[in-house]
N, C-alpha and C. Protein backbone atom coordinates (compact mmCIF):
# COMPACT_ATOMS: atom_id res chain seq x y z
N MET A 1 2.92 -11.01 38.94
CA MET A 1 4.27 -10.80 38.50
C MET A 1 4.75 -12.04 37.76
N ILE A 2 5.55 -11.82 36.75
CA ILE A 2 6.13 -12.91 35.97
C ILE A 2 7.64 -12.81 36.11
N PHE A 3 8.24 -13.87 36.60
CA PHE A 3 9.70 -13.91 36.76
C PHE A 3 10.26 -15.05 35.93
N ASP A 4 10.87 -14.72 34.81
CA ASP A 4 11.48 -15.73 33.93
C ASP A 4 12.54 -15.05 33.09
N ASP A 5 13.66 -15.72 32.90
CA ASP A 5 14.75 -15.13 32.12
C ASP A 5 14.53 -15.26 30.62
N ASN A 6 13.57 -16.09 30.21
CA ASN A 6 13.30 -16.30 28.80
C ASN A 6 12.20 -15.35 28.33
N GLU A 7 12.55 -14.47 27.41
CA GLU A 7 11.60 -13.46 26.93
C GLU A 7 10.37 -14.07 26.27
N ILE A 8 10.55 -15.16 25.54
CA ILE A 8 9.42 -15.81 24.87
C ILE A 8 8.45 -16.38 25.90
N ILE A 9 8.98 -17.01 26.94
CA ILE A 9 8.13 -17.56 28.00
C ILE A 9 7.38 -16.43 28.70
N ARG A 10 8.07 -15.33 29.02
CA ARG A 10 7.40 -14.19 29.65
C ARG A 10 6.27 -13.67 28.78
N HIS A 11 6.52 -13.56 27.49
CA HIS A 11 5.52 -13.07 26.55
C HIS A 11 4.30 -13.99 26.53
N LYS A 12 4.52 -15.29 26.43
CA LYS A 12 3.41 -16.27 26.38
C LYS A 12 2.63 -16.25 27.70
N LEU A 13 3.32 -16.17 28.83
CA LEU A 13 2.64 -16.10 30.12
C LEU A 13 1.83 -14.82 30.24
N ARG A 14 2.39 -13.72 29.76
CA ARG A 14 1.68 -12.43 29.78
C ARG A 14 0.37 -12.54 29.00
N LEU A 15 0.42 -13.13 27.81
CA LEU A 15 -0.79 -13.29 27.00
C LEU A 15 -1.81 -14.17 27.71
N LEU A 16 -1.35 -15.24 28.32
CA LEU A 16 -2.24 -16.15 29.02
C LEU A 16 -2.90 -15.46 30.22
N LEU A 17 -2.11 -14.75 31.01
CA LEU A 17 -2.64 -14.11 32.21
C LEU A 17 -3.53 -12.91 31.88
N LYS A 18 -3.21 -12.19 30.81
CA LYS A 18 -4.03 -11.04 30.43
C LYS A 18 -5.40 -11.45 29.91
N ALA A 19 -5.59 -12.73 29.61
CA ALA A 19 -6.89 -13.21 29.15
C ALA A 19 -7.95 -13.06 30.25
N ASN A 20 -7.51 -12.97 31.49
CA ASN A 20 -8.43 -12.74 32.61
C ASN A 20 -8.49 -11.24 32.87
N ASP A 21 -9.63 -10.64 32.63
CA ASP A 21 -9.78 -9.19 32.76
C ASP A 21 -9.57 -8.67 34.18
N ASP A 22 -9.70 -9.54 35.16
CA ASP A 22 -9.55 -9.13 36.56
C ASP A 22 -8.09 -9.08 37.01
N TRP A 23 -7.18 -9.57 36.20
CA TRP A 23 -5.77 -9.64 36.59
C TRP A 23 -4.95 -8.56 35.89
N THR A 24 -3.96 -8.04 36.60
CA THR A 24 -3.03 -7.07 36.04
C THR A 24 -1.62 -7.55 36.34
N ILE A 25 -0.77 -7.49 35.35
CA ILE A 25 0.63 -7.86 35.54
C ILE A 25 1.36 -6.60 35.98
N CYS A 26 1.83 -6.59 37.21
CA CYS A 26 2.44 -5.38 37.76
C CYS A 26 3.92 -5.28 37.46
N ALA A 27 4.58 -6.41 37.16
CA ALA A 27 6.02 -6.35 36.86
C ALA A 27 6.48 -7.67 36.27
N GLU A 28 7.65 -7.61 35.65
CA GLU A 28 8.33 -8.79 35.15
C GLU A 28 9.78 -8.69 35.55
N ALA A 29 10.43 -9.84 35.71
CA ALA A 29 11.84 -9.85 36.08
C ALA A 29 12.57 -10.92 35.27
N ILE A 30 13.85 -10.67 35.04
CA ILE A 30 14.63 -11.60 34.22
C ILE A 30 15.62 -12.44 35.03
N ASN A 31 15.75 -12.17 36.33
CA ASN A 31 16.59 -13.01 37.19
C ASN A 31 16.06 -12.93 38.62
N GLY A 32 16.58 -13.78 39.47
CA GLY A 32 16.08 -13.87 40.83
C GLY A 32 16.26 -12.61 41.65
N ARG A 33 17.39 -11.96 41.53
CA ARG A 33 17.61 -10.72 42.29
C ARG A 33 16.62 -9.63 41.87
N ASP A 34 16.42 -9.51 40.57
CA ASP A 34 15.45 -8.55 40.05
C ASP A 34 14.05 -8.92 40.54
N ALA A 35 13.75 -10.21 40.60
CA ALA A 35 12.45 -10.67 41.07
C ALA A 35 12.21 -10.27 42.52
N VAL A 36 13.19 -10.47 43.37
CA VAL A 36 13.05 -10.12 44.79
C VAL A 36 12.85 -8.62 44.95
N GLU A 37 13.66 -7.83 44.23
CA GLU A 37 13.54 -6.37 44.30
C GLU A 37 12.15 -5.89 43.88
N LYS A 38 11.66 -6.43 42.77
CA LYS A 38 10.36 -5.99 42.26
C LYS A 38 9.22 -6.49 43.14
N ALA A 39 9.34 -7.67 43.70
CA ALA A 39 8.30 -8.17 44.61
C ALA A 39 8.22 -7.30 45.86
N GLN A 40 9.37 -6.87 46.36
CA GLN A 40 9.36 -5.98 47.53
C GLN A 40 8.71 -4.64 47.20
N ARG A 41 8.91 -4.18 45.98
CA ARG A 41 8.37 -2.89 45.57
C ARG A 41 6.87 -2.95 45.25
N PHE A 42 6.43 -4.01 44.56
CA PHE A 42 5.06 -4.06 44.05
C PHE A 42 4.09 -4.88 44.89
N HIS A 43 4.57 -5.75 45.76
CA HIS A 43 3.71 -6.58 46.62
C HIS A 43 2.62 -7.30 45.83
N PRO A 44 3.00 -8.20 44.94
CA PRO A 44 2.00 -8.87 44.09
C PRO A 44 1.13 -9.85 44.88
N ASP A 45 -0.04 -10.12 44.36
CA ASP A 45 -0.92 -11.13 44.93
C ASP A 45 -0.56 -12.53 44.42
N PHE A 46 0.04 -12.58 43.25
CA PHE A 46 0.34 -13.86 42.61
C PHE A 46 1.67 -13.73 41.87
N VAL A 47 2.50 -14.77 41.95
CA VAL A 47 3.81 -14.76 41.31
C VAL A 47 3.99 -16.03 40.49
N VAL A 48 4.43 -15.88 39.23
CA VAL A 48 4.86 -17.00 38.42
C VAL A 48 6.39 -16.92 38.41
N LEU A 49 7.03 -17.89 39.03
CA LEU A 49 8.47 -17.83 39.27
C LEU A 49 9.17 -19.00 38.60
N ASP A 50 10.10 -18.69 37.71
CA ASP A 50 10.88 -19.71 37.02
C ASP A 50 11.82 -20.40 38.00
N TYR A 51 11.95 -21.69 37.87
CA TYR A 51 12.84 -22.47 38.73
C TYR A 51 14.31 -22.17 38.45
N CYS A 52 14.67 -22.02 37.19
CA CYS A 52 16.08 -21.88 36.81
C CYS A 52 16.32 -20.53 36.13
N MET A 53 16.87 -19.57 36.91
CA MET A 53 17.19 -18.24 36.38
C MET A 53 18.61 -17.88 36.77
N PRO A 54 19.24 -16.97 36.04
CA PRO A 54 20.58 -16.54 36.40
C PRO A 54 20.58 -15.65 37.66
N THR A 55 21.71 -15.46 38.23
CA THR A 55 21.98 -14.62 39.39
C THR A 55 21.43 -15.24 40.67
N MET A 56 20.14 -15.55 40.70
CA MET A 56 19.50 -16.22 41.83
C MET A 56 18.34 -17.00 41.24
N ASP A 57 18.32 -18.32 41.43
CA ASP A 57 17.24 -19.10 40.82
C ASP A 57 15.96 -19.00 41.63
N GLY A 58 14.89 -19.56 41.08
CA GLY A 58 13.59 -19.47 41.72
C GLY A 58 13.55 -20.10 43.10
N LEU A 59 14.30 -21.18 43.30
CA LEU A 59 14.32 -21.81 44.62
C LEU A 59 14.98 -20.92 45.66
N GLU A 60 15.99 -20.18 45.26
CA GLU A 60 16.64 -19.25 46.19
C GLU A 60 15.76 -18.03 46.47
N ALA A 61 15.04 -17.56 45.45
CA ALA A 61 14.23 -16.36 45.60
C ALA A 61 12.92 -16.64 46.35
N ALA A 62 12.34 -17.83 46.18
CA ALA A 62 11.03 -18.13 46.74
C ALA A 62 10.93 -17.99 48.26
N PRO A 63 11.88 -18.47 49.05
CA PRO A 63 11.71 -18.37 50.50
C PRO A 63 12.15 -17.03 51.09
N MET A 64 12.40 -16.05 50.25
CA MET A 64 12.86 -14.75 50.74
C MET A 64 11.80 -14.07 51.59
N PRO A 65 12.21 -13.21 52.49
CA PRO A 65 11.26 -12.52 53.38
C PRO A 65 10.19 -11.71 52.66
N TRP A 66 10.41 -11.30 51.42
CA TRP A 66 9.40 -10.52 50.72
C TRP A 66 8.09 -11.28 50.59
N LEU A 67 8.15 -12.61 50.60
CA LEU A 67 6.92 -13.40 50.51
C LEU A 67 6.03 -13.20 51.74
N GLU A 68 6.63 -12.99 52.88
CA GLU A 68 5.85 -12.83 54.11
C GLU A 68 5.03 -11.54 54.10
N SER A 69 5.46 -10.56 53.34
CA SER A 69 4.74 -9.28 53.32
C SER A 69 3.65 -9.25 52.25
N ILE A 70 3.55 -10.30 51.47
CA ILE A 70 2.57 -10.34 50.39
C ILE A 70 1.26 -10.91 50.91
């Protein structure tokens, strides 16, 4: 999963991560609340989480309970 409010950064990260054929990007989010919701829904193995996002930043989203279920 890629969580970043900047579309250009998400695009560049997507290109970088897709270079590995074994990886699939299951979701992207543009703010912390969206990130938590999508992580609960998709249960990713790996998360790229932006530190500074609107609504809820990466530091607020990272320790959420959804991480324990991943």
